[in-house]
Amino acid sequence: MTIYSEAIQEMSELASNEEIRHPSDAVQFLERCTEFDPIAEGVYATVYNLPDEPDKVVKVCTSRKDGYYLFARWCMSQENRENPHLPFIHREDIVELPNGLKVRFYVIERLEDITEDGSHPVQPEHFHDMDFGTLWNAFKTVAFSYGMDHRSLPDEIESLDAFIAEIKKASERLSQKPGNESLPSLKEQTIEEYDSFLRTLYDVLIQLSPVGVMDLHGNNFMLRGDTIVITDPLSHKHAA
């Protein structure tokens, strides 16, 4: 991991010498002065290829609003590190800038897109598996309001069984909306097939919905072979 290690060391030295002062300076350094290759960009973070580590990517978080580090550290904990539905995060590095802001780096296993063509899935039929797409449409609906209005999911949905019951209700409501006549119904078999995934998703929501806004859009799920991996379910932290 030579390219990564050298970039972290050089950025740390530049920050110590106050030659990098702001997150925008850090991004410019990575893109102009290193071999990091940007492949995806979000509101709070950019994901890079590492030419010398093709089985890994680097996620660089530059916003103080970003809550990804809470999810990453939860994934890296001993009890969650082997969970197949969570990303394997090899390491976290932090460079502190002179203004007190932090640039956080995460080296993560490379995963595969959840759509056949790498496009952004916004409808159930866009996913690699229509049954999962139907399930996603329902659990996304359930989770959406928690965090937006600071309602507490752990207080209102106290068990996995209750969570699954809410998913089924959401699926029924979605299918009854005008224009959704062709929307597939959620099968009991699908709930059973994705039992392990739903257990992990419920754990994620219990842990993180009280501290930030949940973000379960389609691009925040990827594949490791045939296994669904939850990659980035928290958009930003609640204000302290």
Protein backbone atom coordinates (compact mmCIF):
# COMPACT_ATOMS: atom_id res chain seq x y z
CA MET A 1 0.00 0.00 0.00
CA THR A 2 2.87 2.30 -0.87
CA ILE A 3 0.89 4.97 -2.73
CA TYR A 4 -1.55 5.30 0.15
CA SER A 5 1.08 5.38 2.91
CA GLU A 6 3.17 7.96 1.10
CA ALA A 7 0.15 10.19 0.46
CA ILE A 8 -0.91 10.09 4.13
CA GLN A 9 2.62 10.88 5.31
CA GLU A 10 3.06 13.77 2.87
CA MET A 11 -0.35 15.27 3.64
CA SER A 12 0.32 15.04 7.38
CA GLU A 13 3.61 16.90 6.92
CA LEU A 14 1.98 19.57 4.75
CA ALA A 15 -0.79 20.06 7.31
CA SER A 16 1.78 20.33 10.13
CA ASN A 17 3.59 23.02 8.14
CA GLU A 18 0.26 24.77 7.46
CA GLU A 19 0.67 24.32 3.72
CA ILE A 20 -2.65 22.47 3.68
CA ARG A 21 -5.15 24.43 5.71
CA HIS A 22 -8.63 23.54 4.44
CA PRO A 23 -10.40 20.42 3.16
CA SER A 24 -10.43 21.88 -0.36
CA ASP A 25 -6.62 22.09 -0.19
CA ALA A 26 -6.50 18.43 0.80
CA VAL A 27 -8.68 17.40 -2.16
CA GLN A 28 -6.52 19.40 -4.56
CA PHE A 29 -3.39 17.77 -3.15
CA LEU A 30 -4.81 14.27 -3.62
CA GLU A 31 -5.91 14.90 -7.18
CA ARG A 32 -2.87 16.87 -8.36
CA CYS A 33 0.01 15.44 -6.39
CA THR A 34 -0.79 11.77 -5.80
CA GLU A 35 -1.72 8.71 -7.84
CA PHE A 36 -5.16 8.51 -6.20
CA ASP A 37 -7.70 8.09 -9.01
CA PRO A 38 -11.18 9.52 -8.22
CA ILE A 39 -14.02 7.18 -9.20
CA ALA A 40 -17.03 8.48 -7.25
CA GLU A 41 -17.97 11.69 -5.49
CA GLY A 42 -20.72 12.48 -3.00
CA VAL A 43 -21.74 15.49 -0.96
CA TYR A 44 -19.27 14.77 1.84
CA ALA A 45 -16.70 12.36 0.43
CA THR A 46 -14.77 11.16 -2.60
CA VAL A 47 -13.82 7.56 -3.38
CA TYR A 48 -10.49 6.82 -5.07
CA ASN A 49 -8.81 3.87 -6.76
CA LEU A 50 -5.35 2.85 -5.59
CA PRO A 51 -3.27 1.73 -8.61
CA ASP A 52 -1.13 -0.57 -6.48
CA GLU A 53 -4.10 -2.06 -4.56
CA PRO A 54 -6.77 -3.04 -7.14
CA ASP A 55 -8.82 -4.93 -4.54
CA LYS A 56 -9.27 -1.81 -2.38
CA VAL A 57 -10.62 1.73 -2.62
CA VAL A 58 -10.03 4.79 -0.43
CA LYS A 59 -12.87 6.91 0.87
CA VAL A 60 -11.82 10.44 1.85
CA CYS A 61 -14.25 12.39 4.06
CA THR A 62 -13.69 16.14 4.34
CA SER A 63 -16.89 17.56 5.90
CA ARG A 64 -17.47 18.04 9.61
CA LYS A 65 -21.15 17.19 8.99
CA ASP A 66 -20.31 13.75 7.62
CA GLY A 67 -21.30 10.88 9.87
CA TYR A 68 -19.56 8.13 7.93
CA TYR A 69 -16.88 7.69 10.58
CA LEU A 70 -19.54 6.51 13.05
CA PHE A 71 -20.62 3.78 10.67
CA ALA A 72 -17.03 2.90 9.73
CA ARG A 73 -15.92 2.45 13.34
CA TRP A 74 -19.01 0.37 14.07
CA CYS A 75 -18.12 -1.87 11.11
CA MET A 76 -14.51 -2.14 12.33
CA SER A 77 -15.52 -3.23 15.83
CA GLN A 78 -14.67 -6.79 16.83
CA GLU A 79 -18.29 -7.95 16.92
CA ASN A 80 -19.09 -6.61 13.43
CA ARG A 81 -15.86 -7.12 11.53
CA GLU A 82 -16.89 -10.50 10.11
CA ASN A 83 -20.49 -9.55 9.27
CA PRO A 84 -20.91 -10.34 5.53
CA HIS A 85 -23.42 -7.51 5.05
CA LEU A 86 -20.99 -4.82 6.22
CA PRO A 87 -17.94 -3.58 4.28
CA PHE A 88 -14.52 -4.75 5.41
CA ILE A 89 -12.62 -1.60 6.34
CA HIS A 90 -8.89 -2.23 6.52
CA ARG A 91 -7.85 0.96 8.27
CA GLU A 92 -8.75 4.51 9.27
CA ASP A 93 -6.31 7.43 9.14
CA ILE A 94 -6.96 11.00 10.22
CA VAL A 95 -5.08 14.14 9.19
CA GLU A 96 -5.88 17.15 11.36
CA LEU A 97 -5.70 20.52 9.62
CA PRO A 98 -4.50 23.78 11.22
CA ASN A 99 -8.09 25.07 11.50
CA GLY A 100 -9.08 22.05 13.60
CA LEU A 101 -10.96 20.26 10.83
CA LYS A 102 -10.13 16.63 10.11
CA VAL A 103 -9.69 14.76 6.85
CA ARG A 104 -10.60 11.10 7.40
CA PHE A 105 -9.31 8.28 5.19
CA TYR A 106 -10.78 4.78 5.00
CA VAL A 107 -9.23 1.90 3.05
CA ILE A 108 -12.14 -0.35 2.09
CA GLU A 109 -12.53 -3.61 0.21
CA ARG A 110 -13.57 -3.13 -3.40
CA LEU A 111 -17.18 -4.15 -3.97
CA GLU A 112 -19.32 -4.51 -7.08
CA ASP A 113 -22.19 -2.31 -8.27
CA ILE A 114 -25.66 -3.51 -7.43
CA THR A 115 -26.92 -2.72 -10.93
CA GLU A 116 -25.83 -4.49 -14.10
CA ASP A 117 -24.55 -1.29 -15.75
CA GLY A 118 -23.36 0.66 -12.70
CA SER A 119 -26.24 3.15 -12.95
CA HIS A 120 -27.99 4.74 -9.96
CA PRO A 121 -30.93 2.52 -8.91
CA VAL A 122 -34.05 4.52 -8.10
CA GLN A 123 -36.74 1.93 -8.86
CA PRO A 124 -37.05 -1.75 -7.83
CA GLU A 125 -36.47 -2.93 -11.40
CA HIS A 126 -33.08 -1.20 -11.54
CA PHE A 127 -31.48 -3.61 -9.08
CA HIS A 128 -29.59 -6.78 -9.91
CA ASP A 129 -32.49 -8.70 -8.36
CA MET A 130 -36.09 -7.50 -8.64
CA ASP A 131 -37.07 -9.16 -5.37
CA PHE A 132 -34.38 -7.24 -3.50
CA GLY A 133 -35.43 -4.06 -5.31
CA THR A 134 -38.98 -4.54 -4.03
CA LEU A 135 -37.69 -5.13 -0.52
CA TRP A 136 -35.43 -2.07 -0.76
CA ASN A 137 -38.33 0.14 -1.83
CA ALA A 138 -40.24 -0.85 1.30
CA PHE A 139 -37.49 -0.64 3.94
CA LYS A 140 -36.26 2.66 2.48
CA THR A 141 -39.75 4.05 3.01
CA VAL A 142 -39.83 2.84 6.62
CA ALA A 143 -36.44 4.32 7.47
CA PHE A 144 -36.86 7.63 5.67
CA SER A 145 -38.63 9.61 8.38
CA TYR A 146 -36.36 8.49 11.20
CA GLY A 147 -33.67 11.09 11.54
CA MET A 148 -35.42 13.66 9.35
CA ASP A 149 -37.62 14.73 12.26
CA HIS A 150 -35.47 13.24 15.05
CA ARG A 151 -37.99 10.48 15.76
CA SER A 152 -36.28 7.59 17.46
CA LEU A 153 -36.48 4.32 15.56
CA PRO A 154 -35.26 2.28 18.58
CA ASP A 155 -38.15 3.69 20.63
CA GLU A 156 -40.82 3.05 18.01
CA ILE A 157 -39.62 -0.19 16.38
CA GLU A 158 -38.43 -2.28 19.29
CA SER A 159 -37.63 -5.57 17.54
CA LEU A 160 -36.67 -7.13 14.25
CA ASP A 161 -40.15 -8.64 13.97
CA ALA A 162 -41.70 -5.19 14.37
CA PHE A 163 -39.32 -3.84 11.72
CA ILE A 164 -40.34 -6.55 9.26
CA ALA A 165 -44.02 -5.88 10.01
CA GLU A 166 -43.45 -2.19 9.17
CA ILE A 167 -41.71 -3.18 5.92
CA LYS A 168 -44.71 -5.28 4.89
CA LYS A 169 -47.12 -2.42 5.68
CA ALA A 170 -44.99 0.00 3.68
CA SER A 171 -44.99 -2.35 0.71
CA GLU A 172 -48.78 -2.56 0.80
CA ARG A 173 -49.12 1.24 0.98
CA LEU A 174 -46.72 1.71 -1.92
CA SER A 175 -48.61 -0.73 -4.13
CA GLN A 176 -51.89 1.12 -3.46
CA LYS A 177 -50.61 4.51 -4.59
CA PRO A 178 -51.93 5.75 -7.96
CA GLY A 179 -49.48 4.89 -10.70
CA ASN A 180 -48.01 1.96 -8.78
CA GLU A 181 -50.37 -0.68 -10.17
CA SER A 182 -47.46 -2.55 -11.78
CA LEU A 183 -45.31 -2.47 -8.65
CA PRO A 184 -44.51 -6.05 -7.58
CA SER A 185 -45.78 -7.17 -4.19
CA LEU A 186 -43.29 -8.10 -1.50
CA LYS A 187 -43.14 -11.88 -1.17
CA GLU A 188 -42.84 -13.71 2.13
CA GLN A 189 -40.14 -15.78 0.44
CA THR A 190 -38.11 -12.62 -0.15
CA ILE A 191 -38.28 -11.71 3.55
CA GLU A 192 -37.00 -15.20 4.40
CA GLU A 193 -34.27 -15.11 1.75
CA TYR A 194 -32.90 -11.81 3.04
CA ASP A 195 -33.31 -12.59 6.74
CA SER A 196 -29.59 -12.20 7.52
CA PHE A 197 -29.43 -8.92 5.61
CA LEU A 198 -32.51 -7.54 7.38
CA ARG A 199 -31.05 -8.42 10.78
CA THR A 200 -27.93 -6.43 9.95
CA LEU A 201 -29.93 -3.52 8.51
CA TYR A 202 -32.05 -3.37 11.65
CA ASP A 203 -28.91 -3.32 13.80
CA VAL A 204 -27.52 -0.48 11.66
CA LEU A 205 -30.71 1.55 12.06
CA ILE A 206 -30.87 0.94 15.80
CA GLN A 207 -27.28 2.12 16.22
CA LEU A 208 -27.21 5.06 13.82
CA SER A 209 -30.69 6.54 13.38
CA PRO A 210 -30.51 8.30 16.77
CA VAL A 211 -27.33 10.17 15.76
CA GLY A 212 -27.99 11.19 12.17
CA VAL A 213 -30.08 11.12 9.03
CA MET A 214 -30.39 7.69 7.48
CA ASP A 215 -29.68 7.48 3.77
CA LEU A 216 -30.74 4.19 2.17
CA HIS A 217 -30.72 5.25 -1.46
CA GLY A 218 -29.83 2.57 -3.98
CA ASN A 219 -26.16 3.46 -4.41
CA ASN A 220 -25.53 2.81 -0.73
CA PHE A 221 -25.80 -0.93 -1.31
CA MET A 222 -23.23 -2.97 -3.23
CA LEU A 223 -22.36 -6.61 -3.85
CA ARG A 224 -19.65 -9.00 -2.71
CA GLY A 225 -20.42 -11.83 -5.08
CA ASP A 226 -24.11 -12.52 -4.38
CA THR A 227 -24.08 -10.91 -0.92
CA ILE A 228 -25.70 -7.50 -0.35
CA VAL A 229 -23.40 -5.11 1.53
CA ILE A 230 -24.62 -1.94 3.27
CA THR A 231 -21.96 0.61 2.37
CA ASP A 232 -22.94 4.08 3.64
CA PRO A 233 -26.29 4.32 5.43
CA LEU A 234 -25.72 7.63 7.30
CA SER A 235 -25.69 10.91 5.40
CA HIS A 236 -24.96 13.42 8.14
CA LYS A 237 -24.94 13.74 11.88
CA HIS A 238 -27.55 15.66 13.83
CA ALA A 239 -26.32 19.02 15.03
CA ALA A 240 -24.86 18.76 18.51
